Amino acid sequence: MPCDGKVPAYTTEQAQAELKQLSPDWCLIEDGKAIERDFAFHDFYRTMSFVNALAHVANIEDHHPDLEVGYNYCRVRFSTHAIGGLSDNDFICAAKIDRIPVK
């Protein structure tokens, strides 16, 4: 469910514990207020295919990451803006993004 802003943000310690359940490519940034992962691709077509798959997951989850996209890369950053930090939704969505095949 989308975060309504009524839950506290994860502490850095909570975020570090949750991070262990994701691909080791995810890292905490912004003093533990966001998680980020870089994805690399062979070409623009594969990059955009991944971005479209990610957008589909984000739309279904109603939780949208910040993206930085280039010819052969995509940087994904999750944070729950309503609480100014990380929530369950960030880690759930990151885990689902981890399941998108990357080739």
PDB file of N, CA and C in Angstrom:
ATOM      1  N   MET A   1       0.841  -1.185   0.000  1.00  0.00           N
ATOM      2  CA  MET A   1       0.000   0.000   0.000  1.00  0.00           C
ATOM      3  C   MET A   1       0.883   1.244   0.000  1.00  0.00           C
ATOM      4  N   PRO A   2       0.442   2.281  -0.674  1.00  0.00           N
ATOM      5  CA  PRO A   2       1.223   3.520  -0.661  1.00  0.00           C
ATOM      6  C   PRO A   2       1.358   4.069   0.756  1.00  0.00           C
ATOM      7  N   CYS A   3       2.474   4.663   1.040  1.00  0.00           N
ATOM      8  CA  CYS A   3       2.726   5.262   2.350  1.00  0.00           C
ATOM      9  C   CYS A   3       1.932   6.554   2.464  1.00  0.00           C
ATOM     10  N   ASP A   4       1.200   6.685   3.551  1.00  0.00           N
ATOM     11  CA  ASP A   4       0.373   7.883   3.743  1.00  0.00           C
ATOM     12  C   ASP A   4       1.071   8.943   4.584  1.00  0.00           C
ATOM     13  N   GLY A   5       2.321   8.706   4.934  1.00  0.00           N
ATOM     14  CA  GLY A   5       3.075   9.681   5.715  1.00  0.00           C
ATOM     15  C   GLY A   5       2.879   9.562   7.210  1.00  0.00           C
ATOM     16  N   LYS A   6       2.179   8.528   7.656  1.00  0.00           N
ATOM     17  CA  LYS A   6       1.898   8.384   9.086  1.00  0.00           C
ATOM     18  C   LYS A   6       2.791   7.356   9.773  1.00  0.00           C
ATOM     19  N   VAL A   7       3.803   6.879   9.079  1.00  0.00           N
ATOM     20  CA  VAL A   7       4.735   5.929   9.683  1.00  0.00           C
ATOM     21  C   VAL A   7       6.104   6.604   9.780  1.00  0.00           C
ATOM     22  N   PRO A   8       6.886   6.233  10.774  1.00  0.00           N
ATOM     23  CA  PRO A   8       8.233   6.832  10.858  1.00  0.00           C
ATOM     24  C   PRO A   8       9.147   6.232   9.800  1.00  0.00           C
ATOM     25  N   ALA A   9      10.108   7.020   9.361  1.00  0.00           N
ATOM     26  CA  ALA A   9      11.129   6.523   8.436  1.00  0.00           C
ATOM     27  C   ALA A   9      12.023   5.537   9.168  1.00  0.00           C
ATOM     28  N   TYR A  10      12.588   4.604   8.417  1.00  0.00           N
ATOM     29  CA  TYR A  10      13.541   3.661   8.995  1.00  0.00           C
ATOM     30  C   TYR A  10      14.730   4.414   9.579  1.00  0.00           C
ATOM     31  N   THR A  11      15.243   3.907  10.660  1.00  0.00           N
ATOM     32  CA  THR A  11      16.529   4.384  11.158  1.00  0.00           C
ATOM     33  C   THR A  11      17.610   3.814  10.243  1.00  0.00           C
ATOM     34  N   THR A  12      18.807   4.343  10.346  1.00  0.00           N
ATOM     35  CA  THR A  12      19.918   3.817   9.540  1.00  0.00           C
ATOM     36  C   THR A  12      20.146   2.349   9.857  1.00  0.00           C
ATOM     37  N   GLU A  13      20.024   1.966  11.109  1.00  0.00           N
ATOM     38  CA  GLU A  13      20.227   0.571  11.506  1.00  0.00           C
ATOM     39  C   GLU A  13      19.155  -0.330  10.897  1.00  0.00           C
ATOM     40  N   GLN A  14      17.902   0.115  10.909  1.00  0.00           N
ATOM     41  CA  GLN A  14      16.828  -0.668  10.296  1.00  0.00           C
ATOM     42  C   GLN A  14      17.057  -0.803   8.790  1.00  0.00           C
ATOM     43  N   ALA A  15      17.450   0.278   8.170  1.00  0.00           N
ATOM     44  CA  ALA A  15      17.695   0.262   6.724  1.00  0.00           C
ATOM     45  C   ALA A  15      18.835  -0.691   6.379  1.00  0.00           C
ATOM     46  N   GLN A  16      19.903  -0.672   7.164  1.00  0.00           N
ATOM     47  CA  GLN A  16      21.030  -1.573   6.912  1.00  0.00           C
ATOM     48  C   GLN A  16      20.601  -3.035   7.041  1.00  0.00           C
ATOM     49  N   ALA A  17      19.743  -3.328   7.996  1.00  0.00           N
ATOM     50  CA  ALA A  17      19.250  -4.698   8.166  1.00  0.00           C
ATOM     51  C   ALA A  17      18.398  -5.120   6.969  1.00  0.00           C
ATOM     52  N   GLU A  18      17.521  -4.251   6.508  1.00  0.00           N
ATOM     53  CA  GLU A  18      16.672  -4.554   5.350  1.00  0.00           C
ATOM     54  C   GLU A  18      17.495  -4.681   4.077  1.00  0.00           C
ATOM     55  N   LEU A  19      18.528  -3.889   3.959  1.00  0.00           N
ATOM     56  CA  LEU A  19      19.384  -3.894   2.775  1.00  0.00           C
ATOM     57  C   LEU A  19      20.009  -5.265   2.538  1.00  0.00           C
ATOM     58  N   LYS A  20      20.233  -6.022   3.609  1.00  0.00           N
ATOM     59  CA  LYS A  20      20.842  -7.343   3.500  1.00  0.00           C
ATOM     60  C   LYS A  20      19.964  -8.337   2.743  1.00  0.00           C
ATOM     61  N   GLN A  21      18.679  -8.018   2.610  1.00  0.00           N
ATOM     62  CA  GLN A  21      17.749  -8.901   1.907  1.00  0.00           C
ATOM     63  C   GLN A  21      17.717  -8.634   0.403  1.00  0.00           C
ATOM     64  N   LEU A  22      18.386  -7.573  -0.029  1.00  0.00           N
ATOM     65  CA  LEU A  22      18.411  -7.205  -1.442  1.00  0.00           C
ATOM     66  C   LEU A  22      19.710  -7.647  -2.095  1.00  0.00           C
ATOM     67  N   SER A  23      19.777  -7.474  -3.405  1.00  0.00           N
ATOM     68  CA  SER A  23      21.034  -7.689  -4.122  1.00  0.00           C
ATOM     69  C   SER A  23      22.120  -6.847  -3.462  1.00  0.00           C
ATOM     70  N   PRO A  24      23.349  -7.349  -3.398  1.00  0.00           N
ATOM     71  CA  PRO A  24      24.425  -6.564  -2.784  1.00  0.00           C
ATOM     72  C   PRO A  24      24.776  -5.295  -3.570  1.00  0.00           C
ATOM     73  N   ASP A  25      24.190  -5.121  -4.732  1.00  0.00           N
ATOM     74  CA  ASP A  25      24.449  -3.920  -5.535  1.00  0.00           C
ATOM     75  C   ASP A  25      23.701  -2.694  -5.025  1.00  0.00           C
ATOM     76  N   TRP A  26      22.727  -2.874  -4.155  1.00  0.00           N
ATOM     77  CA  TRP A  26      22.012  -1.742  -3.565  1.00  0.00           C
ATOM     78  C   TRP A  26      22.863  -1.147  -2.445  1.00  0.00           C
ATOM     79  N   CYS A  27      22.806   0.171  -2.294  1.00  0.00           N
ATOM     80  CA  CYS A  27      23.537   0.817  -1.203  1.00  0.00           C
ATOM     81  C   CYS A  27      22.689   1.927  -0.595  1.00  0.00           C
ATOM     82  N   LEU A  28      22.982   2.199   0.658  1.00  0.00           N
ATOM     83  CA  LEU A  28      22.336   3.327   1.341  1.00  0.00           C
ATOM     84  C   LEU A  28      23.021   4.615   0.919  1.00  0.00           C
ATOM     85  N   ILE A  29      22.226   5.642   0.694  1.00  0.00           N
ATOM     86  CA  ILE A  29      22.770   6.954   0.353  1.00  0.00           C
ATOM     87  C   ILE A  29      22.007   8.011   1.145  1.00  0.00           C
ATOM     88  N   GLU A  30      22.445   9.241   1.033  1.00  0.00           N
ATOM     89  CA  GLU A  30      21.792  10.371   1.684  1.00  0.00           C
ATOM     90  C   GLU A  30      21.603  10.139   3.180  1.00  0.00           C
ATOM     91  N   ASP A  31      22.670   9.689   3.833  1.00  0.00           N
ATOM     92  CA  ASP A  31      22.646   9.414   5.280  1.00  0.00           C
ATOM     93  C   ASP A  31      21.548   8.429   5.668  1.00  0.00           C
ATOM     94  N   GLY A  32      21.357   7.405   4.847  1.00  0.00           N
ATOM     95  CA  GLY A  32      20.388   6.362   5.160  1.00  0.00           C
ATOM     96  C   GLY A  32      18.955   6.710   4.820  1.00  0.00           C
ATOM     97  N   LYS A  33      18.741   7.761   4.049  1.00  0.00           N
ATOM     98  CA  LYS A  33      17.376   8.176   3.700  1.00  0.00           C
ATOM     99  C   LYS A  33      16.915   7.658   2.347  1.00  0.00           C
ATOM    100  N   ALA A  34      17.805   6.963   1.626  1.00  0.00           N
ATOM    101  CA  ALA A  34      17.465   6.427   0.312  1.00  0.00           C
ATOM    102  C   ALA A  34      18.348   5.223   0.025  1.00  0.00           C
ATOM    103  N   ILE A  35      17.897   4.403  -0.916  1.00  0.00           N
ATOM    104  CA  ILE A  35      18.713   3.308  -1.430  1.00  0.00           C
ATOM    105  C   ILE A  35      18.867   3.510  -2.933  1.00  0.00           C
ATOM    106  N   GLU A  36      19.991   3.022  -3.449  1.00  0.00           N
ATOM    107  CA  GLU A  36      20.307   3.258  -4.856  1.00  0.00           C
ATOM    108  C   GLU A  36      21.038   2.060  -5.436  1.00  0.00           C
ATOM    109  N   ARG A  37      20.787   1.837  -6.717  1.00  0.00           N
ATOM    110  CA  ARG A  37      21.494   0.776  -7.441  1.00  0.00           C
ATOM    111  C   ARG A  37      21.703   1.217  -8.883  1.00  0.00           C
ATOM    112  N   ASP A  38      22.870   0.902  -9.418  1.00  0.00           N
ATOM    113  CA  ASP A  38      23.184   1.155 -10.818  1.00  0.00           C
ATOM    114  C   ASP A  38      23.048  -0.135 -11.609  1.00  0.00           C
ATOM    115  N   PHE A  39      22.415  -0.037 -12.766  1.00  0.00           N
ATOM    116  CA  PHE A  39      22.278  -1.156 -13.688  1.00  0.00           C
ATOM    117  C   PHE A  39      23.006  -0.798 -14.973  1.00  0.00           C
ATOM    118  N   ALA A  40      23.733  -1.760 -15.555  1.00  0.00           N
ATOM    119  CA  ALA A  40      24.468  -1.537 -16.801  1.00  0.00           C
ATOM    120  C   ALA A  40      23.895  -2.438 -17.894  1.00  0.00           C
ATOM    121  N   PHE A  41      23.877  -1.923 -19.109  1.00  0.00           N
ATOM    122  CA  PHE A  41      23.301  -2.635 -20.246  1.00  0.00           C
ATOM    123  C   PHE A  41      24.233  -2.535 -21.458  1.00  0.00           C
ATOM    124  N   HIS A  42      23.976  -3.376 -22.450  1.00  0.00           N
ATOM    125  CA  HIS A  42      24.796  -3.376 -23.660  1.00  0.00           C
ATOM    126  C   HIS A  42      24.436  -2.244 -24.616  1.00  0.00           C
ATOM    127  N   ASP A  43      23.197  -1.798 -24.568  1.00  0.00           N
ATOM    128  CA  ASP A  43      22.776  -0.786 -25.532  1.00  0.00           C
ATOM    129  C   ASP A  43      21.514  -0.076 -25.035  1.00  0.00           C
ATOM    130  N   PHE A  44      21.107   0.914 -25.786  1.00  0.00           N
ATOM    131  CA  PHE A  44      19.963   1.743 -25.414  1.00  0.00           C
ATOM    132  C   PHE A  44      18.661   0.938 -25.385  1.00  0.00           C
ATOM    133  N   TYR A  45      18.489   0.044 -26.345  1.00  0.00           N
ATOM    134  CA  TYR A  45      17.268  -0.756 -26.397  1.00  0.00           C
ATOM    135  C   TYR A  45      17.083  -1.560 -25.114  1.00  0.00           C
ATOM    136  N   ARG A  46      18.142  -2.212 -24.661  1.00  0.00           N
ATOM    137  CA  ARG A  46      18.047  -3.009 -23.431  1.00  0.00           C
ATOM    138  C   ARG A  46      17.826  -2.106 -22.207  1.00  0.00           C
ATOM    139  N   THR A  47      18.458  -0.957 -22.211  1.00  0.00           N
ATOM    140  CA  THR A  47      18.247  -0.012 -21.118  1.00  0.00           C
ATOM    141  C   THR A  47      16.778   0.372 -21.042  1.00  0.00           C
ATOM    142  N   MET A  48      16.205   0.744 -22.168  1.00  0.00           N
ATOM    143  CA  MET A  48      14.814   1.195 -22.174  1.00  0.00           C
ATOM    144  C   MET A  48      13.843   0.053 -21.902  1.00  0.00           C
ATOM    145  N   SER A  49      14.184  -1.150 -22.310  1.00  0.00           N
ATOM    146  CA  SER A  49      13.339  -2.308 -21.977  1.00  0.00           C
ATOM    147  C   SER A  49      13.277  -2.503 -20.470  1.00  0.00           C
ATOM    148  N   PHE A  50      14.430  -2.374 -19.821  1.00  0.00           N
ATOM    149  CA  PHE A  50      14.479  -2.466 -18.360  1.00  0.00           C
ATOM    150  C   PHE A  50      13.667  -1.342 -17.725  1.00  0.00           C
ATOM    151  N   VAL A  51      13.846  -0.124 -18.202  1.00  0.00           N
ATOM    152  CA  VAL A  51      13.122   1.028 -17.643  1.00  0.00           C
ATOM    153  C   VAL A  51      11.614   0.820 -17.788  1.00  0.00           C
ATOM    154  N   ASN A  52      11.174   0.304 -18.912  1.00  0.00           N
ATOM    155  CA  ASN A  52       9.746   0.058 -19.102  1.00  0.00           C
ATOM    156  C   ASN A  52       9.226  -1.015 -18.155  1.00  0.00           C
ATOM    157  N   ALA A  53      10.015  -2.072 -17.944  1.00  0.00           N
ATOM    158  CA  ALA A  53       9.616  -3.114 -16.990  1.00  0.00           C
ATOM    159  C   ALA A  53       9.565  -2.550 -15.577  1.00  0.00           C
ATOM    160  N   LEU A  54      10.568  -1.754 -15.229  1.00  0.00           N
ATOM    161  CA  LEU A  54      10.606  -1.108 -13.911  1.00  0.00           C
ATOM    162  C   LEU A  54       9.389  -0.187 -13.735  1.00  0.00           C
ATOM    163  N   ALA A  55       9.064   0.578 -14.766  1.00  0.00           N
ATOM    164  CA  ALA A  55       7.915   1.485 -14.693  1.00  0.00           C
ATOM    165  C   ALA A  55       6.619   0.716 -14.465  1.00  0.00           C
ATOM    166  N   HIS A  56       6.511  -0.448 -15.074  1.00  0.00           N
ATOM    167  CA  HIS A  56       5.318  -1.281 -14.882  1.00  0.00           C
ATOM    168  C   HIS A  56       5.201  -1.725 -13.422  1.00  0.00           C
ATOM    169  N   VAL A  57       6.303  -2.196 -12.854  1.00  0.00           N
ATOM    170  CA  VAL A  57       6.313  -2.616 -11.441  1.00  0.00           C
ATOM    171  C   VAL A  57       5.977  -1.423 -10.545  1.00  0.00           C
ATOM    172  N   ALA A  58       6.611  -0.289 -10.779  1.00  0.00           N
ATOM    173  CA  ALA A  58       6.383   0.899  -9.953  1.00  0.00           C
ATOM    174  C   ALA A  58       4.924   1.349 -10.028  1.00  0.00           C
ATOM    175  N   ASN A  59       4.330   1.265 -11.204  1.00  0.00           N
ATOM    176  CA  ASN A  59       2.937   1.668 -11.361  1.00  0.00           C
ATOM    177  C   ASN A  59       2.002   0.735 -10.596  1.00  0.00           C
ATOM    178  N   ILE A  60       2.263  -0.560 -10.690  1.00  0.00           N
ATOM    179  CA  ILE A  60       1.447  -1.527  -9.952  1.00  0.00           C
ATOM    180  C   ILE A  60       1.565  -1.303  -8.448  1.00  0.00           C
ATOM    181  N   GLU A  61       2.784  -1.049  -7.981  1.00  0.00           N
ATOM    182  CA  GLU A  61       3.031  -0.849  -6.554  1.00  0.00           C
ATOM    183  C   GLU A  61       2.636   0.552  -6.080  1.00  0.00           C
ATOM    184  N   ASP A  62       2.405   1.457  -7.009  1.00  0.00           N
ATOM    185  CA  ASP A  62       2.117   2.867  -6.703  1.00  0.00           C
ATOM    186  C   ASP A  62       3.221   3.457  -5.822  1.00  0.00           C
ATOM    187  N   HIS A  63       4.452   3.116  -6.187  1.00  0.00           N
ATOM    188  CA  HIS A  63       5.634   3.626  -5.485  1.00  0.00           C
ATOM    189  C   HIS A  63       6.720   3.820  -6.531  1.00  0.00           C
ATOM    190  N   HIS A  64       7.094   5.044  -6.769  1.00  0.00           N
ATOM    191  CA  HIS A  64       7.886   5.385  -7.939  1.00  0.00           C
ATOM    192  C   HIS A  64       9.285   5.869  -7.562  1.00  0.00           C
ATOM    193  N   PRO A  65      10.307   5.249  -8.152  1.00  0.00           N
ATOM    194  CA  PRO A  65      11.683   5.653  -7.859  1.00  0.00           C
ATOM    195  C   PRO A  65      12.088   6.872  -8.678  1.00  0.00           C
ATOM    196  N   ASP A  66      13.185   7.462  -8.279  1.00  0.00           N
ATOM    197  CA  ASP A  66      13.846   8.457  -9.114  1.00  0.00           C
ATOM    198  C   ASP A  66      14.803   7.680 -10.011  1.00  0.00           C
ATOM    199  N   LEU A  67      14.821   8.036 -11.285  1.00  0.00           N
ATOM    200  CA  LEU A  67      15.653   7.340 -12.251  1.00  0.00           C
ATOM    201  C   LEU A  67      16.606   8.306 -12.930  1.00  0.00           C
ATOM    202  N   GLU A  68      17.798   7.824 -13.205  1.00  0.00           N
ATOM    203  CA  GLU A  68      18.746   8.517 -14.063  1.00  0.00           C
ATOM    204  C   GLU A  68      19.067   7.531 -15.176  1.00  0.00           C
ATOM    205  N   VAL A  69      18.770   7.902 -16.404  1.00  0.00           N
ATOM    206  CA  VAL A  69      18.876   6.979 -17.529  1.00  0.00           C
ATOM    207  C   VAL A  69      19.788   7.553 -18.597  1.00  0.00           C
ATOM    208  N   GLY A  70      20.657   6.703 -19.119  1.00  0.00           N
ATOM    209  CA  GLY A  70      21.531   7.060 -20.230  1.00  0.00           C
ATOM    210  C   GLY A  70      21.546   5.942 -21.244  1.00  0.00           C
ATOM    211  N   TYR A  71      22.410   6.058 -22.206  1.00  0.00           N
ATOM    212  CA  TYR A  71      22.481   5.099 -23.310  1.00  0.00           C
ATOM    213  C   TYR A  71      22.555   3.651 -22.819  1.00  0.00           C
ATOM    214  N   ASN A  72      23.420   3.376 -21.865  1.00  0.00           N
ATOM    215  CA  ASN A  72      23.610   1.985 -21.430  1.00  0.00           C
ATOM    216  C   ASN A  72      23.601   1.824 -19.911  1.00  0.00           C
ATOM    217  N   TYR A  73      22.864   2.682 -19.237  1.00  0.00           N
ATOM    218  CA  TYR A  73      22.784   2.543 -17.778  1.00  0.00           C
ATOM    219  C   TYR A  73      21.454   3.106 -17.253  1.00  0.00           C
ATOM    220  N   CYS A  74      21.123   2.654 -16.064  1.00  0.00           N
ATOM    221  CA  CYS A  74      19.983   3.205 -15.337  1.00  0.00           C
ATOM    222  C   CYS A  74      20.339   3.194 -13.857  1.00  0.00           C
ATOM    223  N   ARG A  75      20.248   4.332 -13.221  1.00  0.00           N
ATOM    224  CA  ARG A  75      20.448   4.447 -11.785  1.00  0.00           C
ATOM    225  C   ARG A  75      19.061   4.580 -11.155  1.00  0.00           C
ATOM    226  N   VAL A  76      18.783   3.707 -10.186  1.00  0.00           N
ATOM    227  CA  VAL A  76      17.473   3.661  -9.532  1.00  0.00           C
ATOM    228  C   VAL A  76      17.646   4.081  -8.081  1.00  0.00           C
ATOM    229  N   ARG A  77      16.831   5.022  -7.641  1.00  0.00           N
ATOM    230  CA  ARG A  77      16.892   5.507  -6.262  1.00  0.00           C
ATOM    231  C   ARG A  77      15.486   5.456  -5.665  1.00  0.00           C
ATOM    232  N   PHE A  78      15.371   4.754  -4.549  1.00  0.00           N
ATOM    233  CA  PHE A  78      14.098   4.691  -3.825  1.00  0.00           C
ATOM    234  C   PHE A  78      14.204   5.451  -2.514  1.00  0.00           C
ATOM    235  N   SER A  79      13.168   6.192  -2.214  1.00  0.00           N
ATOM    236  CA  SER A  79      12.978   6.869  -0.940  1.00  0.00           C
ATOM    237  C   SER A  79      11.498   7.206  -0.851  1.00  0.00           C
ATOM    238  N   THR A  80      10.975   7.244   0.346  1.00  0.00           N
ATOM    239  CA  THR A  80       9.566   7.591   0.513  1.00  0.00           C
ATOM    240  C   THR A  80       9.479   9.065   0.863  1.00  0.00           C
ATOM    241  N   HIS A  81       9.128   9.857  -0.118  1.00  0.00           N
ATOM    242  CA  HIS A  81       9.126  11.314   0.040  1.00  0.00           C
ATOM    243  C   HIS A  81       8.158  11.785   1.130  1.00  0.00           C
ATOM    244  N   ALA A  82       7.043  11.056   1.312  1.00  0.00           N
ATOM    245  CA  ALA A  82       6.035  11.462   2.302  1.00  0.00           C
ATOM    246  C   ALA A  82       6.578  11.453   3.726  1.00  0.00           C
ATOM    247  N   ILE A  83       7.642  10.660   3.971  1.00  0.00           N
ATOM    248  CA  ILE A  83       8.202  10.582   5.325  1.00  0.00           C
ATOM    249  C   ILE A  83       9.657  11.039   5.372  1.00  0.00           C
ATOM    250  N   GLY A  84      10.187  11.433   4.242  1.00  0.00           N
ATOM    251  CA  GLY A  84      11.561  11.935   4.213  1.00  0.00           C
ATOM    252  C   GLY A  84      12.612  10.886   4.499  1.00  0.00           C
ATOM    253  N   GLY A  85      12.352   9.657   4.123  1.00  0.00           N
ATOM    254  CA  GLY A  85      13.302   8.578   4.368  1.00  0.00           C
ATOM    255  C   GLY A  85      12.818   7.276   3.763  1.00  0.00           C
ATOM    256  N   LEU A  86      13.259   6.179   4.324  1.00  0.00           N
ATOM    257  CA  LEU A  86      12.940   4.856   3.796  1.00  0.00           C
ATOM    258  C   LEU A  86      11.779   4.211   4.535  1.00  0.00           C
ATOM    259  N   SER A  87      11.004   3.436   3.787  1.00  0.00           N
ATOM    260  CA  SER A  87       9.872   2.700   4.346  1.00  0.00           C
ATOM    261  C   SER A  87       9.876   1.281   3.779  1.00  0.00           C
ATOM    262  N   ASP A  88       8.949   0.461   4.244  1.00  0.00           N
ATOM    263  CA  ASP A  88       8.795  -0.897   3.718  1.00  0.00           C
ATOM    264  C   ASP A  88       8.693  -0.876   2.199  1.00  0.00           C
ATOM    265  N   ASN A  89       7.939   0.084   1.665  1.00  0.00           N
ATOM    266  CA  ASN A  89       7.683   0.135   0.224  1.00  0.00           C
ATOM    267  C   ASN A  89       8.973   0.228  -0.585  1.00  0.00           C
ATOM    268  N   ASP A  90       9.956   0.952  -0.089  1.00  0.00           N
ATOM    269  CA  ASP A  90      11.211   1.092  -0.816  1.00  0.00           C
ATOM    270  C   ASP A  90      11.905  -0.256  -0.975  1.00  0.00           C
ATOM    271  N   PHE A  91      11.923  -1.041   0.078  1.00  0.00           N
ATOM    272  CA  PHE A  91      12.610  -2.319   0.037  1.00  0.00           C
ATOM    273  C   PHE A  91      11.794  -3.365  -0.720  1.00  0.00           C
ATOM    274  N   ILE A  92      10.486  -3.308  -0.617  1.00  0.00           N
ATOM    275  CA  ILE A  92       9.629  -4.213  -1.392  1.00  0.00           C
ATOM    276  C   ILE A  92       9.828  -3.959  -2.881  1.00  0.00           C
ATOM    277  N   CYS A  93       9.791  -2.708  -3.278  1.00  0.00           N
ATOM    278  CA  CYS A  93       9.967  -2.375  -4.691  1.00  0.00           C
ATOM    279  C   CYS A  93      11.371  -2.706  -5.179  1.00  0.00           C
ATOM    280  N   ALA A  94      12.375  -2.442  -4.383  1.00  0.00           N
ATOM    281  CA  ALA A  94      13.745  -2.781  -4.771  1.00  0.00           C
ATOM    282  C   ALA A  94      13.877  -4.291  -4.974  1.00  0.00           C
ATOM    283  N   ALA A  95      13.266  -5.084  -4.098  1.00  0.00           N
ATOM    284  CA  ALA A  95      13.316  -6.542  -4.243  1.00  0.00           C
ATOM    285  C   ALA A  95      12.630  -6.979  -5.535  1.00  0.00           C
ATOM    286  N   LYS A  96      11.552  -6.330  -5.895  1.00  0.00           N
ATOM    287  CA  LYS A  96      10.870  -6.666  -7.147  1.00  0.00           C
ATOM    288  C   LYS A  96      11.699  -6.246  -8.353  1.00  0.00           C
ATOM    289  N   ILE A  97      12.375  -5.129  -8.261  1.00  0.00           N
ATOM    290  CA  ILE A  97      13.247  -4.688  -9.350  1.00  0.00           C
ATOM    291  C   ILE A  97      14.415  -5.657  -9.510  1.00  0.00           C
ATOM    292  N   ASP A  98      14.903  -6.204  -8.420  1.00  0.00           N
ATOM    293  CA  ASP A  98      15.979  -7.195  -8.473  1.00  0.00           C
ATOM    294  C   ASP A  98      15.592  -8.416  -9.317  1.00  0.00           C
ATOM    295  N   ARG A  99      14.308  -8.674  -9.454  1.00  0.00           N
ATOM    296  CA  ARG A  99      13.843  -9.850 -10.184  1.00  0.00           C
ATOM    297  C   ARG A  99      13.681  -9.604 -11.679  1.00  0.00           C
ATOM    298  N   ILE A 100      13.809  -8.370 -12.118  1.00  0.00           N
ATOM    299  CA  ILE A 100      13.728  -8.083 -13.548  1.00  0.00           C
ATOM    300  C   ILE A 100      15.021  -8.592 -14.201  1.00  0.00           C
ATOM    301  N   PRO A 101      14.899  -9.446 -15.205  1.00  0.00           N
ATOM    302  CA  PRO A 101      16.120  -9.951 -15.860  1.00  0.00           C
ATOM    303  C   PRO A 101      16.923  -8.817 -16.502  1.00  0.00           C
ATOM    304  N   VAL A 102      18.216  -8.830 -16.280  1.00  0.00           N
ATOM    305  CA  VAL A 102      19.110  -7.827 -16.852  1.00  0.00           C
ATOM    306  C   VAL A 102      20.145  -8.567 -17.692  1.00  0.00           C
ATOM    307  N   LYS A 103      20.182  -8.257 -18.981  1.00  0.00           N
ATOM    308  CA  LYS A 103      21.146  -8.922 -19.873  1.00  0.00           C
ATOM    309  C   LYS A 103      21.837  -7.909 -20.727  1.00  0.00           C
TER     310      LYS A 103
END
